[in-house]
C-alpha cells in the first residue's frame, strides 16, 4: 500500500512578515505545493493520504481554497484522504470541516478521543482524534479502540512528543512503544524527522510542506512510500516551491558596508529565485556603520526575496557611558551587569537592547 504522510500545511497562512504582494505569492506557492502532492498521489497511485493536523489556517482560510482542495481530492477517487484537525484548524462550529462538503473519499476525525476508521480494501485501520479548540490534553493510548493485530494499524497524531507539560496533546515515546501501532504518523512540529522506532512501532514527524518564515529554513516536503504489515519503506520527498535560508556574516572591523559587501554577495551567490534570503550581520563595528538592503539587492539579484538583519554591536566608549549623567548613561548602567554576563544569550540580548536603546535616545534611525 502506498501512502503520503503530511501535515502542517497551513493553507491561506497570512505570512505577516512579508508585504501584501509577497505574502499573496507565498500563499499561492503553498497551494501549489499541496496541488503537487495531489498530483503525486494520482500519478503514483497512492492509496492513503494522511493529513496530520493544520491543513488550514482556519481564521484566514477562504471558501475558494476549501472548494479547490475538495475538487482536487475528488480527482483521486481511489485514494482515501484521512484528516486529523489540529490546533490551527480545530473541529468547531465555524470550522471549514463543518462548513464545506468534502468528497466521499475524505474522512475527518471529529472526536477529541481516539476513534477508528477501517479501510477494508487495504486491510488497514486508521486511528486518530481532533482538536476541538486551539489546545488539547494528552490522552492514554490504552484507551484507544482495541487493535486488530491481523491488520495494519496506523495512528495519526498532532502534538508534541516527550513534552509532558505541552498544551498540544503531548504523547511519549514510551506510549508509542507500548501502543502496538505499526506506524505513528506525527504532525505539529514543522521540522521533519527520520523514521524512528519505539519497540516494534515506527514513527516520524512529516514536517511542513512549505517554510513560512526564517525559523523554517530549507526545502520542505512530506513522507511517502510503501507500508504493509511487517514492512515499512518510507522516505521524505520535497514538495516545496520555495525555501527560506539565512546567511550569517561577521563584519567586525569594517568601517562601512561597502568594505564587506563583496564577501556577502559571494555567500549569497548560491541562492536562486526559489529562495527567501536573510543576511544577518554580526560582529563589532564602528558607530557610523550602516547596512543597506537596497545596495545589496543591486548586487545580489537572484533571490526571490532579500532582507538584512543588522545584529552588529557598535564599538562604544564604555567608560564614557558609565560616567555619563544623562539618560544614555542611566540606560547603560541598567544593562551593564548583563552586558558582561557569563550567559552568552543574556549578553547578546543586552547588547542589542543597548544598541537600539541608544539609537532611540540619540534620535537616530532604528533598523531591526
Protein backbone atom coordinates (compact mmCIF):
# COMPACT_ATOMS: atom_id res chain seq x y z
CA UNK A 1 0.00 0.00 0.00
CA UNK A 2 1.36 3.43 -0.94
CA UNK A 3 0.90 6.34 1.45
CA UNK A 4 1.59 10.04 1.78
CA UNK A 5 2.04 11.31 5.33
CA UNK A 6 1.77 15.10 5.53
CA UNK A 7 0.51 17.86 7.81
CA UNK A 8 1.11 21.45 8.95
CA UNK A 9 0.21 22.77 5.53
CA UNK A 10 -1.47 25.95 6.82
CA UNK A 11 -3.34 26.83 3.64
CA UNK A 12 -4.05 30.58 3.40
CA UNK A 13 -1.44 31.39 6.03
CA UNK A 14 -1.21 35.22 6.33
CA UNK A 15 2.62 35.42 6.01
CA UNK A 16 2.57 38.56 8.15
CA UNK A 17 6.34 39.11 7.92
CA UNK A 18 6.02 39.91 4.19
CA UNK A 19 4.40 42.80 2.35
CA UNK A 20 0.91 42.08 0.91
CA UNK A 21 2.14 41.33 -2.61
CA UNK A 22 4.88 38.94 -1.50
CA UNK A 23 2.51 37.35 1.05
CA UNK A 24 -0.02 36.57 -1.68
CA UNK A 25 2.74 34.99 -3.79
CA UNK A 26 3.68 32.77 -0.84
CA UNK A 27 0.04 31.72 -0.29
CA UNK A 28 -0.16 30.77 -3.97
CA UNK A 29 3.07 28.78 -3.64
CA UNK A 30 1.64 26.98 -0.61
CA UNK A 31 -1.47 25.97 -2.56
CA UNK A 32 0.75 24.88 -5.44
CA UNK A 33 2.80 22.66 -3.12
CA UNK A 34 -0.39 20.98 -1.90
CA UNK A 35 -1.52 20.52 -5.50
CA UNK A 36 1.84 18.90 -6.24
CA UNK A 37 1.15 16.31 -3.57
CA UNK A 38 -2.28 15.60 -5.05
CA UNK A 39 -0.68 15.14 -8.47
CA UNK A 40 1.91 12.82 -6.94
CA UNK A 41 -0.90 10.79 -5.30
CA UNK A 42 -2.62 10.49 -8.68
CA UNK A 43 0.42 9.55 -10.76
CA UNK A 44 1.92 7.18 -8.16
CA UNK A 45 -1.46 5.57 -7.39
CA UNK A 46 -1.27 6.38 -3.67
CA UNK A 47 -3.85 4.50 -1.59
CA UNK A 48 -3.75 6.52 1.62
CA UNK A 49 -3.21 10.26 2.10
CA UNK A 50 -2.75 11.14 5.80
CA UNK A 51 -3.08 14.81 6.83
CA UNK A 52 -1.95 15.07 10.45
CA UNK A 53 -3.39 18.42 11.50
CA UNK A 54 -3.28 22.08 10.44
CA UNK A 55 -4.38 21.63 6.85
CA UNK A 56 -5.77 25.17 7.16
CA UNK A 57 -5.02 28.38 9.00
CA UNK A 58 -8.74 28.43 9.72
CA UNK A 59 -9.02 32.10 10.74
CA UNK A 60 -7.70 33.09 7.32
CA UNK A 61 -8.88 30.32 5.01
CA UNK A 62 -11.15 31.28 2.12
CA UNK A 63 -14.09 29.37 0.71
CA UNK A 64 -12.36 29.34 -2.66
CA UNK A 65 -9.36 27.50 -1.19
CA UNK A 66 -11.61 24.95 0.52
CA UNK A 67 -13.57 24.26 -2.67
CA UNK A 68 -10.37 24.00 -4.70
CA UNK A 69 -8.78 21.36 -2.48
CA UNK A 70 -12.06 19.42 -2.29
CA UNK A 71 -12.11 19.30 -6.07
CA UNK A 72 -8.50 18.13 -6.14
CA UNK A 73 -9.16 15.39 -3.57
CA UNK A 74 -12.20 14.21 -5.54
CA UNK A 75 -9.99 13.93 -8.62
CA UNK A 76 -8.20 10.97 -6.96
CA UNK A 77 -11.22 8.77 -6.07
CA UNK A 78 -9.15 5.64 -5.41
CA UNK A 79 -7.14 7.42 -2.72
CA UNK A 80 -8.51 7.73 0.84
CA UNK A 81 -7.80 11.11 2.48
CA UNK A 82 -7.80 10.97 6.30
CA UNK A 83 -7.64 14.25 8.25
CA UNK A 84 -6.99 14.96 11.93
CA UNK A 85 -7.91 18.61 12.72
CA UNK A 86 -5.07 20.32 14.61
CA UNK A 87 -4.62 23.35 16.84
CA UNK A 88 -4.76 25.78 13.89
CA UNK A 89 -7.83 24.19 12.28
CA UNK A 90 -9.81 22.67 15.17
CA UNK A 91 -13.11 20.92 14.58
CA UNK A 92 -15.58 23.54 15.86
CA UNK A 93 -18.77 25.27 14.74
CA UNK A 94 -17.19 27.67 12.25
CA UNK A 95 -14.60 25.17 11.07
CA UNK A 96 -14.11 24.59 7.33
CA UNK A 97 -14.61 20.92 8.16
CA UNK A 98 -18.23 21.68 9.10
CA UNK A 99 -18.98 24.43 6.60
CA UNK A 100 -17.69 22.69 3.46
CA UNK A 101 -18.95 19.45 1.91
CA UNK A 102 -15.90 17.22 1.43
CA UNK A 103 -15.91 14.43 -1.18
CA UNK A 104 -16.74 10.82 -0.28
CA UNK A 105 -13.10 9.72 -0.25
CA UNK A 106 -12.30 12.09 2.64
CA UNK A 107 -12.69 11.10 6.29
CA UNK A 108 -12.31 13.72 9.04
CA UNK A 109 -11.87 12.76 12.70
CA UNK A 110 -14.28 14.80 14.84
CA UNK A 111 -13.88 13.49 18.42
CA UNK A 112 -11.23 14.55 20.94
CA UNK A 113 -10.94 10.86 21.90
CA UNK A 114 -9.21 8.32 19.70
CA UNK A 115 -11.58 6.71 17.24
CA UNK A 116 -11.01 4.33 14.35
CA UNK A 117 -11.79 4.22 10.64
CA UNK A 118 -11.30 0.97 8.71
CA UNK A 119 -10.37 0.80 5.04
CA UNK A 120 -11.28 -2.77 4.26
CA UNK A 121 -9.92 -2.89 0.73
CA UNK A 122 -6.47 -2.01 2.08
CA UNK A 123 -6.66 -4.08 5.27
CA UNK A 124 -5.77 -1.05 7.35
CA UNK A 125 -7.19 0.60 10.46
CA UNK A 126 -6.51 4.33 10.97
CA UNK A 127 -6.81 5.78 14.47
CA UNK A 128 -6.97 9.47 15.29
CA UNK A 129 -8.66 12.33 17.09
CA UNK A 130 -9.43 16.03 16.62
CA UNK A 131 -8.66 19.26 18.37
CA UNK A 132 -11.91 20.96 19.34
CA UNK A 133 -10.11 24.20 20.27
CA UNK A 134 -6.59 25.55 19.93
CA UNK A 135 -5.27 23.34 22.73
CA UNK A 136 -5.77 19.69 23.58
CA UNK A 137 -4.99 17.48 26.56
CA UNK A 138 -2.86 14.41 26.16
CA UNK A 139 -4.51 11.03 26.43
CA UNK A 140 -3.67 7.44 27.21
CA UNK A 141 -3.26 5.28 24.15
CA UNK A 142 -4.51 2.43 26.30
CA UNK A 143 -7.98 3.95 25.87
CA UNK A 144 -7.78 3.60 22.10
CA UNK A 145 -10.11 1.08 20.45
CA UNK A 146 -8.82 -2.48 20.61
CA UNK A 147 -6.23 -3.12 17.89
CA UNK A 148 -6.78 -5.92 15.39
CA UNK A 149 -3.28 -7.42 15.17
CA UNK A 150 -4.06 -9.06 11.83
CA UNK A 151 -4.40 -5.66 10.15
CA UNK A 152 -2.05 -2.75 9.54
CA UNK A 153 -2.67 -0.24 12.33
CA UNK A 154 -1.74 3.43 11.92
CA UNK A 155 -2.15 6.20 14.49
CA UNK A 156 -2.39 9.81 13.28
CA UNK A 157 -1.43 12.28 15.99
CA UNK A 158 -0.98 16.07 16.05
CA UNK A 159 1.01 17.13 19.09
CA UNK A 160 4.31 17.32 20.94
CA UNK A 161 6.48 14.29 21.59
CA UNK A 162 8.00 13.75 25.04
CA UNK A 163 6.95 17.20 26.31
CA UNK A 164 4.57 16.30 29.13
CA UNK A 165 3.66 19.90 30.03
CA UNK A 166 2.68 20.82 26.45
CA UNK A 167 -0.85 22.17 25.82
CA UNK A 168 -0.70 20.47 22.41
CA UNK A 169 -1.76 16.87 23.02
CA UNK A 170 1.56 15.51 24.34
CA UNK A 171 2.47 11.92 23.58
CA UNK A 172 5.50 9.98 24.84
CA UNK A 173 7.92 7.60 23.17
CA UNK A 174 7.01 5.07 25.86
CA UNK A 175 3.34 5.31 24.89
CA UNK A 176 4.25 4.69 21.26
CA UNK A 177 6.42 1.73 22.23
CA UNK A 178 3.59 0.15 24.23
CA UNK A 179 0.80 1.03 21.79
CA UNK A 180 1.02 -1.81 19.29
CA UNK A 181 0.62 0.52 16.28
CA UNK A 182 2.64 -0.35 13.21
CA UNK A 183 3.18 3.31 12.33
CA UNK A 184 2.52 6.56 14.20
CA UNK A 185 2.18 9.49 11.77
CA UNK A 186 3.00 12.68 13.69
CA UNK A 187 2.19 16.31 12.93
CA UNK A 188 2.64 19.70 14.70
CA UNK A 189 6.45 20.04 14.56
CA UNK A 190 7.42 21.75 11.31
CA UNK A 191 10.86 20.17 11.08
CA UNK A 192 10.54 16.66 9.67
CA UNK A 193 12.34 13.75 11.32
CA UNK A 194 13.75 10.47 10.11
CA UNK A 195 11.69 7.31 10.53
CA UNK A 196 12.36 6.08 14.07
CA UNK A 197 11.40 3.01 16.07
CA UNK A 198 9.98 2.69 19.59
CA UNK A 199 9.78 -1.03 20.23
CA UNK A 200 8.00 -2.50 17.22
CA UNK A 201 6.28 0.80 16.31
CA UNK A 202 7.73 3.11 13.67
CA UNK A 203 7.05 6.86 13.96
CA UNK A 204 8.03 10.17 12.37
CA UNK A 205 7.15 13.83 12.04
CA UNK A 206 6.43 14.69 8.42
CA UNK A 207 7.29 18.40 8.83
CA UNK A 208 5.61 21.19 6.87
CA UNK A 209 5.48 21.30 3.06
CA UNK A 210 6.49 24.98 2.75
CA UNK A 211 8.50 27.07 5.19
CA UNK A 212 6.56 30.12 6.39
CA UNK A 213 9.36 32.17 7.98
CA UNK A 214 13.09 32.18 8.67
CA UNK A 215 12.63 29.75 11.54
CA UNK A 216 11.73 27.09 8.93
CA UNK A 217 14.72 27.05 6.60
CA UNK A 218 15.44 24.62 3.78
CA UNK A 219 13.34 22.66 1.32
CA UNK A 220 10.24 21.00 2.78
CA UNK A 221 8.02 18.09 1.82
CA UNK A 222 6.21 15.00 3.05
CA UNK A 223 6.82 11.35 3.89
CA UNK A 224 5.91 8.93 1.11
CA UNK A 225 6.44 5.27 0.38
CA UNK A 226 5.17 1.72 0.81
CA UNK A 227 3.80 0.27 4.00
CA UNK A 228 2.41 -3.12 4.89
CA UNK A 229 2.24 -5.38 7.92
CA UNK A 230 5.83 -6.07 8.95
CA UNK A 231 7.41 -3.85 6.29
CA UNK A 232 7.72 -0.06 6.26
CA UNK A 233 9.64 1.65 3.45
CA UNK A 234 9.14 5.40 3.80
CA UNK A 235 11.21 8.44 2.79
CA UNK A 236 10.99 12.24 2.67
CA UNK A 237 10.17 13.80 -0.70
CA UNK A 238 10.41 17.54 -1.50
CA UNK A 239 7.19 19.32 -2.49
CA UNK A 240 8.10 22.92 -1.60
CA UNK A 241 8.29 25.59 -4.29
CA UNK A 242 10.38 27.99 -2.24
CA UNK A 243 12.74 27.82 0.71
CA UNK A 244 13.88 30.17 3.46
CA UNK A 245 17.63 30.45 4.10
CA UNK A 246 19.82 32.55 6.41
CA UNK A 247 23.38 33.69 5.64
CA UNK A 248 25.43 34.98 8.57
CA UNK A 249 28.44 37.23 8.06
CA UNK A 250 30.82 38.69 10.66
CA UNK A 251 31.67 42.29 9.71
CA UNK A 252 33.99 43.02 12.65
CA UNK A 253 36.45 45.75 11.76
CA UNK A 254 34.58 47.06 8.73
CA UNK A 255 34.36 50.83 8.65
CA UNK A 256 31.47 50.86 6.17
CA UNK A 257 29.06 48.47 4.47
CA UNK A 258 30.98 48.79 1.19
CA UNK A 259 34.00 47.14 2.87
CA UNK A 260 32.17 43.82 3.24
CA UNK A 261 29.54 43.80 0.50
CA UNK A 262 31.63 41.76 -1.96
CA UNK A 263 32.16 38.98 0.61
CA UNK A 264 28.44 38.96 1.49
CA UNK A 265 27.45 38.82 -2.19
CA UNK A 266 29.74 35.79 -2.66
CA UNK A 267 27.98 33.97 0.19
CA UNK A 268 24.59 34.79 -1.32
CA UNK A 269 25.53 33.69 -4.85
CA UNK A 270 24.39 30.01 -4.49
CA UNK A 271 20.79 31.01 -3.73
CA UNK A 272 18.45 31.45 -6.69
CA UNK A 273 14.93 32.70 -7.30
CA UNK A 274 13.42 29.86 -5.25
CA UNK A 275 14.93 31.35 -2.06
CA UNK A 276 13.75 33.88 0.51
CA UNK A 277 17.10 35.01 1.88
CA UNK A 278 18.01 36.78 5.10
CA UNK A 279 21.52 38.16 5.58
CA UNK A 280 22.46 38.51 9.27
CA UNK A 281 25.36 40.84 10.03
CA UNK A 282 27.24 40.11 13.26
CA UNK A 283 30.35 41.38 14.98
CA UNK A 284 31.67 44.70 16.31
CA UNK A 285 31.72 47.74 14.03
CA UNK A 286 32.32 51.46 14.18
CA UNK A 287 29.41 53.65 15.30
CA UNK A 288 29.00 55.00 11.76
CA UNK A 289 28.48 51.57 10.17
CA UNK A 290 25.09 51.20 8.46
CA UNK A 291 23.78 48.26 6.41
CA UNK A 292 21.82 48.97 3.24
CA UNK A 293 19.44 46.37 1.79
CA UNK A 294 18.97 48.30 -1.45
CA UNK A 295 22.72 48.39 -2.14
CA UNK A 296 23.00 44.64 -1.50
CA UNK A 297 19.92 43.91 -3.64
CA UNK A 298 21.58 45.75 -6.51
CA UNK A 299 24.41 43.22 -6.44
CA UNK A 300 22.60 40.07 -5.28
CA UNK A 301 19.72 39.87 -7.77
CA UNK A 302 18.83 36.18 -7.79
CA UNK A 303 16.84 35.54 -4.55
CA UNK A 304 13.04 35.71 -4.63
CA UNK A 305 13.18 37.89 -1.50
CA UNK A 306 16.11 39.53 0.31
CA UNK A 307 16.44 41.25 3.68
CA UNK A 308 19.23 42.30 6.04
CA UNK A 309 19.22 41.93 9.82
CA UNK A 310 21.87 44.11 11.42
CA UNK A 311 22.85 42.32 14.63
CA UNK A 312 26.20 44.10 15.00
CA UNK A 313 27.35 45.84 18.16
CA UNK A 314 28.75 49.33 17.70
CA UNK A 315 32.16 49.91 19.25
CA UNK A 316 31.24 52.24 22.09
CA UNK A 317 33.26 54.09 24.71
CA UNK A 318 32.02 52.10 27.70
CA UNK A 319 33.97 54.14 30.27
CA UNK A 320 32.47 57.35 28.94
CA UNK A 321 28.96 55.89 29.01
CA UNK A 322 29.39 54.59 32.56
CA UNK A 323 30.23 58.08 33.79
CA UNK A 324 27.59 59.82 31.65
CA UNK A 325 24.98 61.71 33.73
CA UNK A 326 22.34 61.76 31.02
CA UNK A 327 19.62 59.24 30.15
CA UNK A 328 22.13 57.40 27.93
CA UNK A 329 24.37 56.76 30.93
CA UNK A 330 21.46 55.61 33.07
CA UNK A 331 20.41 53.23 30.33
CA UNK A 332 23.92 51.80 30.01
CA UNK A 333 24.28 51.31 33.78
CA UNK A 334 20.96 49.46 33.91
CA UNK A 335 22.30 46.97 31.34
CA UNK A 336 25.95 46.81 32.43
CA UNK A 337 25.73 43.63 34.52
CA UNK A 338 24.01 41.74 31.71
CA UNK A 339 26.47 43.11 29.11
CA UNK A 340 29.28 41.28 30.92
CA UNK A 341 27.29 38.19 31.86
CA UNK A 342 28.74 34.67 31.51
CA UNK A 343 25.48 33.72 29.80
CA UNK A 344 26.08 34.33 26.07
CA UNK A 345 22.38 34.63 25.24
CA UNK A 346 21.81 37.17 28.04
CA UNK A 347 24.85 39.11 26.84
CA UNK A 348 23.60 39.11 23.22
CA UNK A 349 20.14 40.38 24.19
CA UNK A 350 21.63 43.11 26.41
CA UNK A 351 23.96 44.22 23.59
CA UNK A 352 21.06 44.51 21.14
CA UNK A 353 18.99 46.39 23.74
CA UNK A 354 21.88 48.82 24.26
CA UNK A 355 22.30 49.39 20.53
CA UNK A 356 18.64 50.07 19.82
CA UNK A 357 18.09 51.99 23.05
CA UNK A 358 20.99 54.39 22.46
CA UNK A 359 19.93 55.00 18.86
CA UNK A 360 16.44 55.88 20.14
CA UNK A 361 17.85 58.19 22.84
CA UNK A 362 20.09 59.93 20.30
CA UNK A 363 17.23 60.28 17.80
CA UNK A 364 18.88 58.05 15.18
CA UNK A 365 17.17 55.71 12.72
CA UNK A 366 16.43 52.29 14.22
CA UNK A 367 16.87 49.35 11.84
CA UNK A 368 15.62 45.97 13.10
